[in-house]
Amino acid sequence: MSDATEGEGAVGSGEVRDAFGTVLADGDDVTLVKSVKVSGGGGATLKVGTKVRGIRLIEDGVGDHDIDARIPGVGRLQLKSSVVKRAN
C-alpha cells in the first residue's frame, strides 16, 4: 500500500474533518458555521451557531454530505462537514 491516495479527503482516509480541520467522530456535538437552507417540507433556514448534538458519520450520503443529524424543530437531515465545527 502506498500513500498515493493522500489528497483524496474524507472518503479515502476514513476520517471526516470539520471546516477548521478537526477530526469528527460519531456522537460529537457540532455547531453550524454557515447558514444552511433546508430544501423540501417547510424550507427552513438553519442559522449560524445552531448546535447539533450526537452526529452520525456516514459514507453513503447524498452528494458529498457526510454527516447524518437530527435537529430539533427540523428533523433528520444530512450535512456537509464543511459547514460545521466541533463544539467544545
Protein backbone atom coordinates (compact mmCIF):
# COMPACT_ATOMS: atom_id res chain seq x y z
CA MET A 1 0.00 0.00 0.00
CA SER A 2 1.20 3.48 -0.79
CA ASP A 3 0.19 6.97 0.21
CA ALA A 4 -0.94 7.81 -3.32
CA THR A 5 -4.49 8.49 -2.08
CA GLU A 6 -3.39 11.13 0.42
CA GLY A 7 -5.20 14.03 -1.27
CA GLU A 8 -8.46 12.12 -1.51
CA GLY A 9 -10.01 13.64 1.63
CA ALA A 10 -12.63 12.20 3.94
CA VAL A 11 -13.74 9.26 1.83
CA GLY A 12 -10.32 7.77 1.11
CA SER A 13 -8.77 8.17 4.54
CA GLY A 14 -11.84 7.18 6.56
CA GLU A 15 -11.80 10.33 8.66
CA VAL A 16 -14.13 13.29 8.38
CA ARG A 17 -12.87 16.78 9.21
CA ASP A 18 -14.88 19.89 10.07
CA ALA A 19 -14.49 23.33 8.48
CA PHE A 20 -11.37 24.00 10.59
CA GLY A 21 -9.67 20.63 10.08
CA THR A 22 -10.65 18.97 13.37
CA VAL A 23 -11.37 15.25 13.05
CA LEU A 24 -15.02 14.40 13.78
CA ALA A 25 -16.34 11.17 15.29
CA ASP A 26 -19.74 9.57 15.81
CA GLY A 27 -21.58 11.17 18.72
CA ASP A 28 -19.79 14.52 18.55
CA ASP A 29 -21.65 17.79 19.02
CA VAL A 30 -21.15 20.34 16.25
CA THR A 31 -22.12 23.95 15.58
CA LEU A 32 -23.01 25.40 12.18
CA VAL A 33 -20.52 27.95 10.83
CA LYS A 34 -22.64 28.82 7.80
CA SER A 35 -26.38 29.29 7.32
CA VAL A 36 -27.97 26.27 5.65
CA LYS A 37 -31.19 26.39 3.63
CA VAL A 38 -33.22 23.22 4.06
CA SER A 39 -34.95 22.18 0.86
CA GLY A 40 -38.22 20.30 0.98
CA GLY A 41 -41.04 20.30 3.51
CA GLY A 42 -41.07 23.73 5.07
CA GLY A 43 -37.90 25.15 3.59
CA ALA A 44 -36.44 26.29 6.92
CA THR A 45 -33.09 28.02 7.26
CA LEU A 46 -30.63 26.85 9.90
CA LYS A 47 -28.75 29.84 11.31
CA VAL A 48 -25.06 30.16 12.12
CA GLY A 49 -24.43 28.94 15.66
CA THR A 50 -27.14 26.25 15.66
CA LYS A 51 -25.88 23.38 17.81
CA VAL A 52 -26.38 19.81 16.61
CA ARG A 53 -25.92 17.05 19.17
CA GLY A 54 -24.87 13.45 18.60
CA ILE A 55 -23.99 13.39 14.91
CA ARG A 56 -23.51 10.20 12.95
CA LEU A 57 -20.86 9.94 10.24
CA ILE A 58 -21.99 8.29 7.02
CA GLU A 59 -20.23 7.21 3.84
CA ASP A 60 -23.24 6.84 1.57
CA GLY A 61 -24.66 10.35 1.88
CA VAL A 62 -26.26 12.26 -0.95
CA GLY A 63 -23.58 14.10 -2.93
CA ASP A 64 -20.75 14.98 -0.58
CA HIS A 65 -22.85 15.04 2.60
CA ASP A 66 -21.07 13.01 5.27
CA ILE A 67 -22.97 13.79 8.49
CA ASP A 68 -26.38 12.45 9.48
CA ALA A 69 -28.05 14.66 12.10
CA ARG A 70 -31.34 15.23 13.86
CA ILE A 71 -32.13 18.87 14.53
CA PRO A 72 -34.97 19.84 16.89
CA GLY A 73 -37.79 21.55 15.01
CA VAL A 74 -36.45 20.43 11.62
CA GLY A 75 -35.97 16.67 11.84
CA ARG A 76 -33.39 14.39 10.29
CA LEU A 77 -31.11 15.66 7.58
CA GLN A 78 -27.65 15.27 6.12
CA LEU A 79 -24.97 17.95 6.39
CA LYS A 80 -21.61 18.58 4.79
CA SER A 81 -18.69 18.61 7.17
CA SER A 82 -17.52 21.87 5.57
CA VAL A 83 -20.38 23.82 7.23
CA VAL A 84 -19.81 22.65 10.82
CA LYS A 85 -17.22 22.96 13.56
CA ARG A 86 -16.76 20.65 16.50
CA ALA A 87 -18.35 22.05 19.66
CA ASN A 88 -16.35 22.05 22.87
